[in-house]
Amino acid sequence: MFKTIEAKGPCEGAVAQTEQLTKTIETLNVQECVSYLRAHGLRISYEKLRAGLQQGAYPFGHCIDCGKSMAFEIYKRLLDEWIAERETPVQTKAAGR
């Protein structure tokens, strides 16, 4: 995807520049994911997240058996979509009332 921007400089006319937008796969580790989920109100432990990923209960990541250890890949975009499907609005009281 390309985005054209206009850069205005000391010249009379504007010079068009093309800037390439790149996409990346944003991932989280188990600790970051647990903190992120807790910040969204989910009560979860590291062990529960790991077990859920291993069992396929959480569709936002994978567990890979590397022999002596397990590797976890948690995809932030899929995690955000999963949270958005489950979040409910909560009305909070204003301070001082």
Protein backbone atom coordinates (compact mmCIF):
# COMPACT_ATOMS: atom_id res chain seq x y z
CA MET A 1 0.00 0.00 0.00
CA PHE A 2 1.36 3.41 -0.91
CA LYS A 3 0.45 6.78 0.49
CA THR A 4 1.27 10.03 -1.28
CA ILE A 5 2.13 12.99 0.89
CA GLU A 6 2.96 16.53 -0.04
CA ALA A 7 6.04 18.07 1.48
CA LYS A 8 6.18 21.83 1.44
CA GLY A 9 9.60 23.34 1.55
CA PRO A 10 11.32 26.58 0.67
CA CYS A 11 10.42 26.07 -2.99
CA GLU A 12 7.35 27.69 -4.49
CA GLY A 13 5.62 24.41 -5.39
CA ALA A 14 4.97 21.39 -3.30
CA VAL A 15 6.98 18.26 -3.96
CA ALA A 16 5.09 14.96 -3.93
CA GLN A 17 6.79 12.17 -2.03
CA THR A 18 5.72 8.55 -1.93
CA GLU A 19 5.94 6.77 1.39
CA GLN A 20 5.54 3.00 1.55
CA LEU A 21 3.49 1.64 4.43
CA THR A 22 4.69 -1.69 5.72
CA LYS A 23 2.75 -4.26 7.66
CA THR A 24 4.17 -6.31 10.50
CA ILE A 25 2.89 -9.20 12.55
CA GLU A 26 2.69 -7.86 16.08
CA THR A 27 3.07 -10.54 18.73
CA LEU A 28 3.01 -10.67 22.52
CA ASN A 29 4.73 -13.01 24.93
CA VAL A 30 2.75 -14.81 27.64
CA GLN A 31 3.51 -12.20 30.31
CA GLU A 32 2.50 -9.30 28.05
CA CYS A 33 -0.68 -11.10 27.01
CA VAL A 34 -1.74 -11.83 30.61
CA SER A 35 -1.17 -8.17 31.57
CA TYR A 36 -3.12 -7.02 28.51
CA LEU A 37 -6.04 -9.35 29.25
CA ARG A 38 -6.09 -8.32 32.91
CA ALA A 39 -6.16 -4.65 31.85
CA HIS A 40 -9.32 -5.54 29.89
CA GLY A 41 -10.90 -7.11 32.98
CA LEU A 42 -10.23 -10.82 32.45
CA ARG A 43 -9.04 -12.78 35.48
CA ILE A 44 -6.37 -15.05 34.07
CA SER A 45 -3.11 -16.62 35.20
CA TYR A 46 -0.01 -17.44 33.21
CA GLU A 47 -0.75 -21.15 33.61
CA LYS A 48 -4.34 -20.78 32.38
CA LEU A 49 -3.24 -18.84 29.29
CA ARG A 50 -0.54 -21.40 28.47
CA ALA A 51 -2.96 -24.31 28.92
CA GLY A 52 -5.63 -22.58 26.83
CA LEU A 53 -3.20 -21.99 24.00
CA GLN A 54 -1.93 -25.60 24.18
CA GLN A 55 -5.50 -26.96 24.07
CA GLY A 56 -6.62 -24.63 21.28
CA ALA A 57 -9.19 -22.88 23.50
CA TYR A 58 -7.82 -19.44 22.65
CA PRO A 59 -7.86 -18.71 18.90
CA PHE A 60 -5.45 -15.77 19.10
CA GLY A 61 -2.27 -17.79 19.43
CA HIS A 62 -0.46 -21.09 19.09
CA CYS A 63 1.69 -23.33 21.22
CA ILE A 64 4.58 -25.05 19.51
CA ASP A 65 6.36 -28.01 21.08
CA CYS A 66 10.07 -27.37 20.61
CA GLY A 67 11.21 -30.56 22.32
CA LYS A 68 12.63 -29.39 25.63
CA SER A 69 10.32 -26.37 25.88
CA MET A 70 7.11 -24.90 24.53
CA ALA A 71 7.01 -21.75 22.39
CA PHE A 72 3.94 -19.52 22.37
CA GLU A 73 2.98 -17.19 19.53
CA ILE A 74 0.24 -14.72 20.48
CA TYR A 75 -1.01 -12.42 17.73
CA LYS A 76 -2.11 -8.98 18.93
CA ARG A 77 -4.60 -8.34 16.11
CA LEU A 78 -6.38 -11.64 16.75
CA LEU A 79 -6.28 -10.98 20.49
CA ASP A 80 -7.86 -7.54 20.00
CA GLU A 81 -10.61 -9.09 17.85
CA TRP A 82 -11.23 -11.78 20.48
CA ILE A 83 -11.48 -9.16 23.23
CA ALA A 84 -13.81 -6.94 21.14
CA GLU A 85 -16.20 -9.88 20.63
CA ARG A 86 -16.46 -10.44 24.39
CA GLU A 87 -16.16 -6.98 25.96
CA THR A 88 -19.22 -5.41 27.47
CA PRO A 89 -19.59 -1.71 28.25
CA VAL A 90 -19.41 -0.94 31.95
CA GLN A 91 -20.81 2.27 33.33
CA THR A 92 -18.58 3.84 35.96
CA LYS A 93 -19.49 6.54 38.46
CA ALA A 94 -17.91 9.93 37.95
CA ALA A 95 -15.40 11.01 40.59
CA GLY A 96 -16.81 13.14 43.39
CA ARG A 97 -20.37 11.79 43.24
